[in-house]
Each structure stands twice: as structure tokens, then as C-alpha cells.
Protein backbone atom coordinates (compact mmCIF):
# COMPACT_ATOMS: atom_id res chain seq x y z
CA UNK A 1 95.52 79.22 -71.11
CA UNK A 2 92.62 76.76 -71.29
CA UNK A 3 94.35 74.90 -74.13
CA UNK A 4 97.61 74.29 -72.25
CA UNK A 5 98.34 70.81 -70.93
CA UNK A 6 99.64 71.20 -67.37
CA UNK A 7 101.84 68.53 -65.82
CA UNK A 8 102.70 68.82 -62.13
CA UNK A 9 105.79 66.94 -61.05
CA UNK A 10 105.05 66.36 -57.39
CA UNK A 11 101.64 66.19 -55.76
CA UNK A 12 102.24 67.82 -52.37
CA UNK A 13 100.49 70.70 -50.64
CA UNK A 14 101.51 73.47 -53.03
CA UNK A 15 100.59 71.47 -56.12
CA UNK A 16 97.28 70.57 -54.49
CA UNK A 17 96.51 74.21 -53.75
CA UNK A 18 97.36 75.31 -57.29
CA UNK A 19 95.25 72.56 -58.82
CA UNK A 20 92.33 73.39 -56.52
CA UNK A 21 92.53 77.08 -57.39
CA UNK A 22 92.72 76.41 -61.12
CA UNK A 23 89.77 74.03 -61.12
CA UNK A 24 87.71 76.43 -59.01
CA UNK A 25 88.32 79.07 -61.67
CA UNK A 26 87.11 76.71 -64.38
CA UNK A 27 90.30 75.11 -65.67
CA UNK A 28 89.40 71.79 -67.38
CA UNK A 29 90.39 68.75 -65.35
CA UNK A 30 91.32 66.80 -68.46
CA UNK A 31 94.16 69.27 -69.10
CA UNK A 32 95.83 68.64 -65.71
CA UNK A 33 98.13 65.71 -64.94
CA UNK A 34 100.05 65.03 -61.73
CA UNK A 35 103.11 62.80 -61.49
CA UNK A 36 104.02 61.59 -58.00
CA UNK A 37 106.04 58.48 -57.08
CA UNK A 38 103.56 57.63 -54.32
CA UNK A 39 100.52 55.94 -55.80
CA UNK A 40 98.53 56.87 -52.68
CA UNK A 41 99.11 60.56 -53.36
CA UNK A 42 97.88 60.14 -56.90
CA UNK A 43 94.75 58.33 -55.82
CA UNK A 44 94.01 61.08 -53.30
CA UNK A 45 94.26 63.77 -55.99
CA UNK A 46 92.19 61.72 -58.41
CA UNK A 47 89.42 61.38 -55.85
CA UNK A 48 89.47 65.07 -54.93
CA UNK A 49 89.78 66.64 -58.36
CA UNK A 50 88.99 63.98 -60.96
CA UNK A 51 92.35 64.47 -62.70
CA UNK A 52 94.81 61.98 -64.20
CA UNK A 53 97.86 60.93 -62.20
CA UNK A 54 100.98 58.86 -62.88
CA UNK A 55 103.84 57.51 -60.80
CA UNK A 56 106.35 58.08 -63.65
CA UNK A 57 107.30 61.53 -64.98
CA UNK A 58 108.73 61.38 -68.46
CA UNK A 59 105.81 60.16 -70.57
CA UNK A 60 103.54 62.89 -69.20
CA UNK A 61 106.26 65.54 -69.48
CA UNK A 62 106.77 64.67 -73.15
CA UNK A 63 103.18 65.77 -73.82
CA UNK A 64 103.11 68.82 -71.57
CA UNK A 65 102.75 72.44 -72.62
CA UNK A 66 103.67 73.58 -69.12
CA UNK A 67 105.54 71.60 -66.47
CA UNK A 68 105.31 72.73 -62.84
CA UNK A 69 108.20 71.38 -60.78
CA UNK A 70 106.72 71.04 -57.29
CA UNK A 71 109.29 68.82 -55.61
CA UNK A 72 111.65 69.44 -52.70
CA UNK A 73 114.86 71.30 -53.58
CA UNK A 74 116.98 68.38 -52.35
CA UNK A 75 115.65 66.07 -55.09
CA UNK A 76 115.33 68.64 -57.87
CA UNK A 77 118.62 67.73 -59.59
CA UNK A 78 117.64 64.09 -59.91
CA UNK A 79 114.09 64.87 -61.04
CA UNK A 80 115.15 67.50 -63.57
CA UNK A 81 117.97 65.39 -65.00
CA UNK A 82 115.59 62.48 -65.52
CA UNK A 83 113.20 64.73 -67.44
CA UNK A 84 115.84 66.03 -69.86
CA UNK A 85 115.24 63.51 -72.66
CA UNK A 86 111.49 64.26 -72.63
CA UNK A 87 111.75 68.00 -73.30
CA UNK A 88 112.67 68.17 -76.98
CA UNK A 89 109.43 70.09 -77.61
CA UNK A 90 110.64 72.79 -75.17
CA UNK A 91 107.65 73.25 -72.84
CA UNK A 92 107.52 76.06 -70.32
CA UNK A 93 109.01 74.90 -67.01
CA UNK A 94 107.89 76.58 -63.78
CA UNK A 95 109.88 75.79 -60.64
CA UNK A 96 108.50 76.55 -57.18
CA UNK A 97 111.57 75.20 -55.36
CA UNK A 98 113.55 77.56 -53.14
CA UNK A 99 117.27 77.89 -53.77
CA UNK A 100 117.44 76.27 -57.22
CA UNK A 101 118.74 78.78 -59.75
CA UNK A 102 117.52 79.01 -63.34
CA UNK A 103 121.06 78.24 -64.55
CA UNK A 104 121.15 75.03 -62.52
CA UNK A 105 117.74 73.99 -63.82
CA UNK A 106 118.82 74.75 -67.39
CA UNK A 107 121.92 72.57 -67.04
CA UNK A 108 119.97 69.69 -65.51
CA UNK A 109 117.06 69.87 -67.96
CA UNK A 110 119.46 69.89 -70.89
CA UNK A 111 117.29 71.42 -73.60
CA UNK A 112 117.08 75.19 -74.00
CA UNK A 113 113.68 75.34 -72.36
CA UNK A 114 111.98 78.50 -71.11
CA UNK A 115 112.12 78.60 -67.31
CA UNK A 116 110.23 80.60 -64.71
CA UNK A 117 111.24 80.53 -61.06
CA UNK A 118 108.41 81.12 -58.65
CA UNK A 119 108.31 81.64 -54.89
CA UNK A 120 104.77 81.21 -53.58
CA UNK A 121 103.85 81.01 -49.90
CA UNK A 122 101.67 78.75 -47.80
CA UNK A 123 98.53 80.95 -47.73
CA UNK A 124 98.14 79.71 -51.30
CA UNK A 125 96.55 76.72 -49.55
CA UNK A 126 93.58 78.99 -48.79
CA UNK A 127 93.86 80.93 -52.06
CA UNK A 128 95.40 83.94 -50.33
CA UNK A 129 98.99 83.46 -51.44
CA UNK A 130 101.63 85.92 -52.61
CA UNK A 131 104.01 84.80 -55.36
CA UNK A 132 107.11 86.38 -56.86
CA UNK A 133 108.07 85.24 -60.39
CA UNK A 134 111.23 85.59 -62.48
CA UNK A 135 111.40 84.61 -66.16
CA UNK A 136 114.49 83.72 -68.18
CA UNK A 137 115.10 85.27 -71.59
CA UNK A 138 113.58 82.28 -73.40
CA UNK A 139 110.13 82.87 -71.89
CA UNK A 140 107.77 84.58 -74.33
CA UNK A 141 104.90 86.96 -73.43
CA UNK A 142 102.26 84.26 -73.82
CA UNK A 143 104.10 81.99 -71.41
CA UNK A 144 104.49 84.82 -68.90
CA UNK A 145 100.74 85.33 -68.99
CA UNK A 146 100.15 81.60 -68.58
CA UNK A 147 102.35 81.55 -65.48
CA UNK A 148 100.55 84.60 -64.11
CA UNK A 149 97.20 82.91 -64.62
CA UNK A 150 98.33 79.73 -62.84
CA UNK A 151 99.65 81.52 -59.77
CA UNK A 152 96.83 84.08 -59.72
CA UNK A 153 94.46 81.16 -59.12
CA UNK A 154 95.75 81.08 -55.52
CA UNK A 155 96.61 84.71 -54.78
CA UNK A 156 98.56 87.73 -56.01
CA UNK A 157 101.45 87.69 -58.50
CA UNK A 158 104.47 90.00 -58.66
CA UNK A 159 106.98 89.82 -61.52
CA UNK A 160 110.64 90.37 -60.63
CA UNK A 161 113.33 91.98 -62.79
CA UNK A 162 116.26 90.11 -61.22
CA UNK A 163 116.65 86.48 -60.23
CA UNK A 164 118.38 87.62 -57.05
CA UNK A 165 115.04 89.13 -56.06
CA UNK A 166 113.67 85.58 -55.66
CA UNK A 167 115.81 85.20 -52.53
CA UNK A 168 114.43 88.50 -51.25
CA UNK A 169 110.88 87.31 -51.90
CA UNK A 170 111.72 84.07 -50.10
CA UNK A 171 112.81 86.07 -47.04
CA UNK A 172 109.88 88.49 -47.13
CA UNK A 173 106.72 86.69 -48.26
CA UNK A 174 107.91 83.11 -48.62
CA UNK A 175 108.85 82.89 -44.95
CA UNK A 176 106.58 85.77 -43.99
CA UNK A 177 103.51 83.81 -42.85
CA UNK A 178 105.58 82.39 -39.98
CA UNK A 179 106.45 85.92 -38.83
CA UNK A 180 102.77 86.82 -38.61
CA UNK A 181 101.97 83.52 -36.89
CA UNK A 182 104.56 84.45 -34.26
CA UNK A 183 102.90 87.86 -33.76
CA UNK A 184 99.52 86.13 -33.44
CA UNK A 185 100.99 83.72 -30.88
CA UNK A 186 102.49 86.58 -28.88
CA UNK A 187 99.33 88.71 -28.88
CA UNK A 188 97.15 85.75 -27.95
CA UNK A 189 99.46 84.78 -25.09
CA UNK A 190 99.48 88.37 -23.84
CA UNK A 191 95.69 88.37 -23.75
CA UNK A 192 95.63 85.10 -21.85
CA UNK A 193 98.17 86.39 -19.30
CA UNK A 194 95.95 89.42 -18.70
CA UNK A 195 93.11 87.05 -17.83
CA UNK A 196 91.14 86.55 -21.03
CA UNK A 197 89.75 83.12 -21.84
CA UNK A 198 92.20 81.43 -24.29
CA UNK A 199 89.60 80.99 -27.04
CA UNK A 200 88.43 84.58 -26.65
CA UNK A 201 92.03 85.83 -26.88
CA UNK A 202 92.60 83.68 -29.94
CA UNK A 203 89.47 84.78 -31.79
CA UNK A 204 90.00 88.47 -31.05
CA UNK A 205 93.63 88.28 -32.19
CA UNK A 206 92.82 86.41 -35.41
CA UNK A 207 89.98 88.72 -36.37
CA UNK A 208 92.13 91.76 -35.61
CA UNK A 209 94.89 90.42 -37.87
CA UNK A 210 92.39 89.70 -40.65
CA UNK A 211 90.73 93.09 -40.31
CA UNK A 212 94.01 94.98 -40.29
CA UNK A 213 95.19 93.16 -43.43
CA UNK A 214 91.92 93.87 -45.23
CA UNK A 215 92.08 97.55 -44.26
CA UNK A 216 95.65 97.80 -45.54
CA UNK A 217 94.73 96.13 -48.83
CA UNK A 218 91.67 98.32 -49.38
CA UNK A 219 93.32 101.58 -48.32
CA UNK A 220 94.86 104.17 -50.62
CA UNK A 221 97.51 105.04 -48.00
CA UNK A 222 100.40 103.00 -46.63
CA UNK A 223 100.48 101.04 -43.39
CA UNK A 224 102.40 103.78 -41.60
CA UNK A 225 99.64 106.29 -42.24
CA UNK A 226 96.97 103.80 -41.19
CA UNK A 227 98.85 103.24 -37.94
CA UNK A 228 98.95 106.99 -37.27
CA UNK A 229 95.22 107.28 -37.93
CA UNK A 230 94.35 104.72 -35.26
CA UNK A 231 96.87 106.02 -32.72
CA UNK A 232 95.25 108.71 -30.60
CA UNK A 233 97.63 111.06 -28.75
CA UNK A 234 98.22 109.94 -25.15
CA UNK A 235 95.93 106.94 -25.67
CA UNK A 236 96.33 103.20 -25.18
CA UNK A 237 97.47 102.50 -28.73
CA UNK A 238 100.16 105.17 -28.57
CA UNK A 239 101.44 103.70 -25.33
CA UNK A 240 101.74 100.25 -26.91
CA UNK A 241 103.31 101.52 -30.14
CA UNK A 242 105.88 103.55 -28.23
CA UNK A 243 106.80 100.47 -26.22
CA UNK A 244 107.29 98.44 -29.41
CA UNK A 245 109.41 101.19 -30.98
CA UNK A 246 111.51 101.63 -27.85
CA UNK A 247 112.18 97.90 -27.94
CA UNK A 248 113.29 98.25 -31.58
CA UNK A 249 110.63 96.09 -33.17
CA UNK A 250 111.25 97.46 -36.72
CA UNK A 251 114.98 96.79 -36.39
CA UNK A 252 114.30 93.25 -35.17
CA UNK A 253 112.13 92.56 -38.21
CA UNK A 254 114.77 93.99 -40.53
CA UNK A 255 117.43 91.77 -38.94
CA UNK A 256 115.19 88.71 -39.14
CA UNK A 257 114.28 89.19 -42.79
CA UNK A 258 117.91 89.91 -43.68
CA UNK A 259 118.92 86.68 -41.92
CA UNK A 260 116.35 84.78 -43.96
CA UNK A 261 117.69 86.37 -47.16
CA UNK A 262 121.26 85.42 -46.27
CA UNK A 263 120.15 81.85 -45.59
CA UNK A 264 118.30 81.69 -48.93
CA UNK A 265 121.51 82.63 -50.72
CA UNK A 266 123.48 80.05 -48.73
CA UNK A 267 120.92 77.38 -49.64
CA UNK A 268 121.24 78.25 -53.32
CA UNK A 269 124.98 77.60 -53.15
CA UNK A 270 124.53 74.36 -51.21
CA UNK A 271 121.92 73.00 -53.60
CA UNK A 272 123.52 73.97 -56.91
CA UNK A 273 127.31 73.85 -56.37
């Protein structure tokens, strides 16, 4: 992938995290260009990474091997339509916008370009992201690998067989960090109410979350088995787990994630109809 010219359309947080991850892994800065209408954003990225930036999209897109669309879904139609006349060379287009279907992108971009939809999540900002990717039929194996390499610079990559799965990924891992933040909030507050110093409660909760995640990643058994292994009969953990189950915590999570999935599908209709 070191030969590919990458052009990011949009220089926000997700683009910044991807660029940072790529450069940290040795990607040459002279092969990365960012286009952002705000000159201040471009100057910031230039000073951080030593890359080239522009305030106009089409001239850079016309020379790109891979274009990463990192703009808000609400402006994607305008941005993509304005790029159409610059894509005669059919570069790979990667979209990280929620709710914008590949068919809509194809119609706006005009040319029969290969498209990959990607749903990353915010832990990509600390190179611990999880991304789901879906490729259209025009994407070749080399381009799939290129997309994998780009997203793997900031976390794990999972390829999806159906575009509908993007909405499921949005509900599960795309929105998922907020669910864990809520759990962290709740556990920290519980510790404080029991009388722990707020900073002590916070640090213990955060380290527990980190340790549990690392154990789950490193383990050869699933989370359910790990839970059983740390739940002694008639002990404190069992008492807490039973309380959570009696209050239907798993069902609440299922309902919440399903609600997020339903909303993702609604957004797709709103943004592309």
C-alpha cells in the first residue's frame, strides 16, 4: 500500500486518527493529502503530521489512488456530487459516514468507482478502534487489502458479507463506546455513594474495565465462561451478578442495541431518499 496516494476529504477527528495511525506505522507523509474547507484545520494537520492539505477537493481527488470520505453524512451528497467529474480514473472510495448507502454514493459519484463502506468507532482516536467494512462488487482483492491496512492502523478490522450488516455494526461497535462509558459512569458513581473518594472510584473502575477487556481479548474462552470463573458460589460477585440478571440487564442491552440498529436504518432512508 506504500505506493497508493491517499486523499482524505475532511480533516476531522476520525481522519486525524487514521492519518496518525498510518504515519506511526511508517506510511510516507508525501503520499497523504487532506482536503478540508477550513484552512485552519489544514494548517493544524500540516503542523502535526507534515502532510499536504488543500481547501478544494477535486484537484487532489483527480490524482488519488484512494479517497477516504470523512465528512458528515448530512453533507455527503454535495461533497460526492462535486467530486464526480474528477473520478474518471476510478480510484477506490472509502466512506466512513453512517447511513449513506453504497448505491447512493455510486449515484452521486457518477463513475463506476469501487466503493467500500466502513463503520469505525471513536477508540480509533487512541488506536484501539473496531471497524466493520463492506465492499461493493467493483472492489478488487488488492483494494480490499489496502482498505484493511488503512483501518488496521487504528484497530481491528472485520469484513462484512452484507451491506445491511453495516447498520448492525453501527449499533454494536459504532455506538458501543458510549454504552461502556455509561457502565463506567454507573460503577464509579456507585463507588462514590458507598463512600470511596471520587478519584479512587474512577481509577479503580477504569482499570477494572481495561483489565477485563484485556482478559477477554487474550482468553481462549468466551466472556460468559470468564464471568463464571470469577463468580464464586455464594460470594460477592455472584450476589451482584444475580441482581443484574434479575433486573434484566442482558435484555436491556438487547433492546438498546436493537433501538440503535432501527435508528441507523431510519437515518439511511432520511439521508438517501
